[in-house]
Structure formats: C-alpha cells, structure tokens
Amino acid sequence: MKVVRSVEALKEARAELKGSVGFVPTMGALHEGHVSLIRKAREENDHVIVSIFVNPTQFLPGEDLEKYPRKEEADRRICELAGVDILFMPDASAMYGEDEVTVRAPKYLGYILEGHRRPGHFDGVVRVVLKLFNLTRPTRAYFGKKDAQQLVILQRMVSDLFLPLEIVPVETVREADGLALSSRNVYLSAEERQKALAISKALKRASKMVGAGELDVARLKEAMEAVLAELEVEYVAFVNRRFEPVEKIEIQNSIILIAARVGQTRLIDNIWL
C-alpha cells in the first residue's frame, strides 16, 4: 500500500494504476462501516484508493473539528489489511488555496434537514468531494446509506456535472444492539450509549408498522416520537428518494430519517423503505 500526502504524489500514484478504480473518501477514525465500503470497492474494482481527510469546510463554527477523532496509525493498518492500494492523507494546505473557484450544494437539497441544522455543511462536502474525484478519477465511489442526504446530493453532483463515475450506495453497518456505527460514537458514555439505542429502536418500530400495512406518516411519527421521548430530537422526517417530504410511505421509494442529540453528541440514522 502506498501512503501519499501531497497532491503531486497522489497524481503520480494514480497514473500507475491500470483498470478500474474504487474510491472511498473518509474522515478517518475508521470502523467496520468504513471497512464495508472498502471491502465492496475491493470486490468490484481492480484497485482501491482511500482518502483520510478531516475536511474543515464542512464543519460549522462550534462543531467538533478540533476534537474529531484522529487515529492515523490504526487507520493505516486497517487500510493495509483491507487491501487498499493507495491511501491519501493530505492536510488542509494541500487541499485548499486562497480565493478558490467553488461549487455549492443544490438550493433545496442542500438546505433542508441536515442543511437547515448545519448551514453550509453540504457546500463543504461537495467542494472537497469534487476535488477528490478529480484527483482520484475513480470508476466507482462508495458512500454509506447512513448519510442519506449526503449520498443523494453527491449523486446529483455526479449527474449535474457529468462526472464519469458511479456512486455506489452501501448499507448501514450496525452494532449487535442496533446502534449505527459512527466515528462520533466514541463520545458517548456508557449511559448515553444505552439511551442512543432509542434511535434505531424508533426506526425498527416504524419498519414493523410499515410491514404491517401502516403507511400514514403522522401515525408513524407519533409512534417513533414515543420511543424517542428521552432524547433531544432535532427531526423525524419522511421523504422520498428525491428528498421531497411525503405524507404516505411509498414502498421502495421512501426514507425515514432521525437526527437527535444524546448528551453533547449529535447522531443521525435512517431506514430506506
């Protein structure tokens, strides 16, 4: 595995690769969710590139940029064991200059739900991911369904900007107790972690109700909010695959999303129906 830190070194290493390339962009603190992305990229491509970059442009003032978990040596080892060909680990000075030309998230998709709570966040996401796509020139790029809004926005970016690659969605990986894997889970105390299970339990409750034929969003939301009663809930949302709000669940075309705070930690989760 080649570990590169400069744009120039990445370009040189990428030029040596022949055949299809799978790309997995991450912010590090890798866990089994990231490994599932790398594993799928490994299965579907001749080569795999992973980036680890805690991107400052997608953090808002007061968010956890400085304390975001960084585990460089462990991450390197995980990538090596997973069969990564190139690991790109730049710093901010390598990725950003002064007074840059930039792209922005779509006005609607970028400013609802997560975008409303974190204004400008998705502008930072599309800005860095476009740079990374241009540098790695992947055949396919892999993103988890847990970050559903991000996934849909990046699919739109690839379509709208005519980028020659495929975005591959990958299922959310969960702990045995149902908690969705997240690098931010390390912030949770033992007691908070137990409380956080209400998020996945609420989604499971909704899934069971839909399976039993309940498609009315108002009744589903009422049942979910009862499960989430002890958490500081930011939103429970019901949308279609275009992230338009719906009043009735459309099977194979709906997503239920939750954002909530457990102590000082903000968690998101969802289920695709």
Protein backbone atom coordinates (compact mmCIF):
# COMPACT_ATOMS: atom_id res chain seq x y z
CA MET A 1 0.00 0.00 0.00
CA LYS A 2 1.28 3.43 -0.94
CA VAL A 3 0.69 6.22 1.57
CA VAL A 4 0.77 9.66 -0.06
CA ARG A 5 0.22 13.09 1.43
CA SER A 6 0.68 15.54 -1.42
CA VAL A 7 -1.49 16.15 -4.46
CA GLU A 8 1.53 15.59 -6.70
CA ALA A 9 2.31 12.21 -5.13
CA LEU A 10 -1.32 11.14 -5.47
CA LYS A 11 -1.38 12.07 -9.14
CA GLU A 12 1.79 10.07 -9.76
CA ALA A 13 0.48 7.02 -7.91
CA ARG A 14 -2.90 7.21 -9.66
CA ALA A 15 -1.22 7.36 -13.08
CA GLU A 16 0.35 3.97 -12.41
CA LEU A 17 -2.99 2.22 -11.91
CA LYS A 18 -4.45 0.33 -14.85
CA GLY A 19 -8.04 -0.86 -14.85
CA SER A 20 -11.00 0.10 -12.71
CA VAL A 21 -10.58 2.13 -9.52
CA GLY A 22 -12.85 2.15 -6.48
CA PHE A 23 -12.63 5.19 -4.22
CA VAL A 24 -13.67 5.52 -0.57
CA PRO A 25 -13.41 9.04 0.89
CA THR A 26 -13.34 9.15 4.70
CA MET A 27 -12.50 11.42 7.61
CA GLY A 28 -10.63 8.65 9.39
CA ALA A 29 -11.30 7.01 12.77
CA LEU A 30 -12.17 4.01 10.63
CA HIS A 31 -14.63 1.39 11.85
CA GLU A 32 -16.44 -1.59 10.39
CA GLY A 33 -18.76 0.71 8.44
CA HIS A 34 -15.79 2.12 6.55
CA VAL A 35 -14.35 -1.35 6.12
CA SER A 36 -17.60 -2.46 4.46
CA LEU A 37 -17.16 0.33 1.90
CA ILE A 38 -13.54 -0.66 1.27
CA ARG A 39 -14.49 -4.31 1.02
CA LYS A 40 -17.16 -3.62 -1.59
CA ALA A 41 -14.75 -1.41 -3.54
CA ARG A 42 -12.19 -4.21 -3.41
CA GLU A 43 -14.71 -6.72 -4.74
CA GLU A 44 -15.85 -4.55 -7.64
CA ASN A 45 -12.62 -2.92 -8.88
CA ASP A 46 -9.05 -3.67 -9.87
CA HIS A 47 -7.67 -1.07 -7.46
CA VAL A 48 -8.85 0.80 -4.36
CA ILE A 49 -7.97 4.31 -3.19
CA VAL A 50 -8.96 5.57 0.26
CA SER A 51 -8.64 9.15 1.43
CA ILE A 52 -8.48 10.25 5.07
CA PHE A 53 -9.05 13.96 5.47
CA VAL A 54 -10.91 15.77 8.24
CA ASN A 55 -12.35 18.41 5.95
CA PRO A 56 -12.58 21.82 7.66
CA THR A 57 -15.03 23.34 5.16
CA GLN A 58 -17.87 21.04 6.21
CA PHE A 59 -17.65 21.91 9.91
CA LEU A 60 -19.57 24.87 11.31
CA PRO A 61 -18.21 27.20 13.99
CA GLY A 62 -18.54 25.49 17.36
CA GLU A 63 -18.68 21.98 15.90
CA ASP A 64 -16.17 19.26 16.73
CA LEU A 65 -13.45 19.89 14.12
CA GLU A 66 -10.62 20.10 16.65
CA LYS A 67 -11.73 17.15 18.75
CA TYR A 68 -12.90 14.96 15.86
CA PRO A 69 -11.27 11.55 16.49
CA ARG A 70 -7.97 11.03 14.67
CA LYS A 71 -6.35 7.58 14.69
CA GLU A 72 -3.74 7.72 11.95
CA GLU A 73 -1.70 4.61 12.77
CA ALA A 74 -4.77 2.43 13.37
CA ASP A 75 -6.36 3.74 10.16
CA ARG A 76 -3.26 2.93 8.14
CA ARG A 77 -3.24 -0.61 9.48
CA ILE A 78 -6.94 -1.10 8.73
CA CYS A 79 -6.46 0.09 5.15
CA GLU A 80 -3.44 -2.15 4.67
CA LEU A 81 -5.28 -5.22 5.95
CA ALA A 82 -8.30 -4.37 3.77
CA GLY A 83 -6.20 -4.39 0.60
CA VAL A 84 -6.11 -0.68 -0.18
CA ASP A 85 -3.67 0.25 -2.96
CA ILE A 86 -3.29 3.98 -2.27
CA LEU A 87 -4.02 5.82 0.98
CA PHE A 88 -4.21 9.59 0.54
CA MET A 89 -3.73 11.57 3.77
CA PRO A 90 -3.38 15.27 2.95
CA ASP A 91 -3.52 18.27 5.25
CA ALA A 92 -5.72 21.30 4.62
CA SER A 93 -2.95 23.27 2.93
CA ALA A 94 -2.67 20.57 0.26
CA MET A 95 -6.40 20.66 -0.47
CA TYR A 96 -7.29 24.36 -0.30
CA GLY A 97 -5.90 27.64 -1.56
CA GLU A 98 -6.92 31.27 -1.33
CA ASP A 99 -9.98 32.69 -3.10
CA GLU A 100 -10.87 29.44 -4.85
CA VAL A 101 -13.44 28.69 -7.51
CA THR A 102 -16.05 26.61 -5.68
CA VAL A 103 -19.19 24.57 -6.25
CA ARG A 104 -22.19 24.64 -3.92
CA ALA A 105 -24.86 22.18 -2.88
CA PRO A 106 -28.28 22.44 -4.58
CA LYS A 107 -30.51 25.12 -3.07
CA TYR A 108 -33.25 22.71 -1.98
CA LEU A 109 -31.36 19.52 -1.21
CA GLY A 110 -28.53 21.38 0.46
CA TYR A 111 -30.65 23.45 2.82
CA ILE A 112 -33.29 21.10 4.24
CA LEU A 113 -32.92 18.76 7.24
CA GLU A 114 -29.15 18.44 7.82
CA GLY A 115 -28.57 21.55 5.73
CA HIS A 116 -31.04 23.54 7.83
CA ARG A 117 -29.39 22.44 11.07
CA ARG A 118 -25.87 22.83 9.67
CA PRO A 119 -25.99 25.66 7.08
CA GLY A 120 -23.10 25.45 4.64
CA HIS A 121 -22.20 21.89 5.63
CA PHE A 122 -23.07 20.37 2.27
CA ASP A 123 -21.30 23.17 0.41
CA GLY A 124 -18.14 21.96 2.15
CA VAL A 125 -18.92 18.34 1.33
CA VAL A 126 -19.40 18.85 -2.41
CA ARG A 127 -16.38 21.14 -2.53
CA VAL A 128 -13.98 18.57 -1.12
CA VAL A 129 -15.52 15.52 -2.78
CA LEU A 130 -15.33 17.12 -6.22
CA LYS A 131 -11.63 17.82 -5.62
CA LEU A 132 -11.09 14.23 -4.51
CA PHE A 133 -12.96 12.85 -7.52
CA ASN A 134 -10.81 14.95 -9.85
CA LEU A 135 -7.63 13.72 -8.17
CA THR A 136 -8.51 10.01 -7.92
CA ARG A 137 -10.54 9.71 -11.15
CA PRO A 138 -12.45 6.70 -9.84
CA THR A 139 -14.62 4.28 -11.78
CA ARG A 140 -16.86 3.99 -8.73
CA ALA A 141 -17.07 5.83 -5.40
CA TYR A 142 -18.59 4.28 -2.28
CA PHE A 143 -20.76 6.02 0.31
CA GLY A 144 -22.83 4.72 3.22
CA LYS A 145 -26.61 5.00 3.28
CA LYS A 146 -26.44 6.29 6.86
CA ASP A 147 -25.52 9.70 5.45
CA ALA A 148 -28.54 9.58 3.18
CA GLN A 149 -28.80 13.27 2.33
CA GLN A 150 -25.09 13.47 1.55
CA LEU A 151 -25.41 10.41 -0.68
CA VAL A 152 -28.30 11.86 -2.67
CA ILE A 153 -26.55 15.23 -3.06
CA LEU A 154 -23.39 13.56 -4.36
CA GLN A 155 -25.43 11.50 -6.80
CA ARG A 156 -26.92 14.77 -8.03
CA MET A 157 -23.47 16.35 -8.33
CA VAL A 158 -22.21 13.46 -10.44
CA SER A 159 -25.28 13.71 -12.67
CA ASP A 160 -25.42 17.51 -12.94
CA LEU A 161 -21.69 17.96 -13.60
CA PHE A 162 -21.48 14.98 -15.99
CA LEU A 163 -18.77 13.30 -13.94
CA PRO A 164 -17.61 9.96 -15.43
CA LEU A 165 -18.10 7.76 -12.37
CA GLU A 166 -20.73 5.77 -10.50
CA ILE A 167 -21.82 6.46 -6.93
CA VAL A 168 -22.37 3.14 -5.12
CA PRO A 169 -24.61 3.24 -2.01
CA VAL A 170 -23.68 0.77 0.74
CA GLU A 171 -25.95 -0.44 3.55
CA THR A 172 -25.53 0.94 7.07
CA VAL A 173 -23.47 -1.24 9.40
CA ARG A 174 -24.79 -1.63 12.94
CA GLU A 175 -23.61 -2.95 16.27
CA ALA A 176 -25.30 -6.12 17.52
CA ASP A 177 -27.65 -3.96 19.61
CA GLY A 178 -28.73 -1.91 16.58
CA LEU A 179 -26.68 1.27 17.06
CA ALA A 180 -25.46 2.55 13.69
CA LEU A 181 -21.68 2.69 13.54
CA SER A 182 -20.29 6.23 13.63
CA SER A 183 -16.93 7.76 14.44
CA ARG A 184 -18.78 10.03 16.87
CA ASN A 185 -20.00 7.08 18.96
CA VAL A 186 -16.72 7.32 20.91
CA TYR A 187 -18.07 10.49 22.51
CA LEU A 188 -20.91 8.57 24.20
CA SER A 189 -20.68 7.49 27.82
CA ALA A 190 -21.99 4.03 28.69
CA GLU A 191 -25.27 5.53 29.88
CA GLU A 192 -25.60 7.75 26.80
CA ARG A 193 -24.91 4.81 24.53
CA GLN A 194 -27.87 2.94 26.04
CA LYS A 195 -30.08 5.99 25.52
CA ALA A 196 -28.88 6.28 21.91
CA LEU A 197 -30.39 2.88 21.15
CA ALA A 198 -33.77 4.61 21.09
CA ILE A 199 -32.87 5.93 17.63
CA SER A 200 -32.54 2.53 15.98
CA LYS A 201 -35.48 1.21 18.04
CA ALA A 202 -37.70 4.00 16.69
CA LEU A 203 -36.71 3.16 13.14
CA LYS A 204 -37.37 -0.52 13.79
CA ARG A 205 -40.78 0.35 15.22
CA ALA A 206 -41.64 2.28 12.06
CA SER A 207 -40.37 -0.53 9.83
CA LYS A 208 -42.56 -3.07 11.62
CA MET A 209 -45.59 -0.79 11.33
CA VAL A 210 -44.98 -0.32 7.61
CA GLY A 211 -44.59 -4.07 7.23
CA ALA A 212 -47.99 -4.47 8.88
CA GLY A 213 -49.53 -2.05 6.37
CA GLU A 214 -49.34 1.30 8.17
CA LEU A 215 -48.27 3.90 5.60
CA ASP A 216 -49.59 7.10 7.19
CA VAL A 217 -46.66 9.34 8.14
CA ALA A 218 -48.47 11.09 11.01
CA ARG A 219 -49.18 7.81 12.80
CA LEU A 220 -45.66 6.51 12.17
CA LYS A 221 -44.15 9.72 13.51
CA GLU A 222 -46.29 9.61 16.65
CA ALA A 223 -45.13 6.06 17.38
CA MET A 224 -41.49 6.93 16.75
CA GLU A 225 -41.57 10.02 18.94
CA ALA A 226 -42.87 7.92 21.82
CA VAL A 227 -39.76 5.74 21.55
CA LEU A 228 -37.54 8.83 21.31
CA ALA A 229 -39.14 10.63 24.25
CA GLU A 230 -35.97 10.78 26.38
CA LEU A 231 -33.76 12.19 23.62
CA GLU A 232 -33.35 15.74 22.33
CA VAL A 233 -34.82 15.13 18.87
CA GLU A 234 -33.96 17.59 16.11
CA TYR A 235 -36.13 15.99 13.46
CA VAL A 236 -38.01 12.88 12.41
CA ALA A 237 -38.50 13.19 8.66
CA PHE A 238 -40.20 11.17 5.94
CA VAL A 239 -39.04 11.75 2.37
CA ASN A 240 -38.91 10.05 -1.00
CA ARG A 241 -35.65 9.23 -2.78
CA ARG A 242 -35.53 12.82 -4.12
CA PHE A 243 -35.79 14.05 -0.51
CA GLU A 244 -39.23 15.54 -1.04
CA PRO A 245 -41.49 15.26 2.04
CA VAL A 246 -44.24 12.64 1.86
CA GLU A 247 -47.48 12.11 3.79
CA LYS A 248 -47.69 8.41 2.99
CA ILE A 249 -44.88 5.89 2.72
CA GLU A 250 -44.15 4.72 -0.82
CA ILE A 251 -42.59 1.26 -0.65
CA GLN A 252 -39.19 1.13 -2.42
CA ASN A 253 -39.17 4.94 -2.64
CA SER A 254 -39.11 6.27 0.94
CA ILE A 255 -36.55 7.12 3.61
CA ILE A 256 -37.26 7.78 7.29
CA LEU A 257 -34.61 9.92 8.97
CA ILE A 258 -33.79 10.84 12.56
CA ALA A 259 -31.37 13.40 14.00
CA ALA A 260 -31.04 13.62 17.78
CA ARG A 261 -28.63 14.68 20.48
CA VAL A 262 -27.57 12.29 23.19
CA GLY A 263 -25.76 14.40 25.77
CA GLN A 264 -23.39 16.56 23.72
CA THR A 265 -23.24 14.12 20.81
CA ARG A 266 -25.31 14.60 17.68
CA LEU A 267 -26.32 11.35 15.93
CA ILE A 268 -28.16 10.65 12.69
CA ASP A 269 -29.71 7.44 11.40
CA ASN A 270 -32.27 6.35 8.84
CA ILE A 271 -34.03 3.48 7.19
CA TRP A 272 -34.65 3.08 3.46
CA LEU A 273 -38.06 1.56 2.70
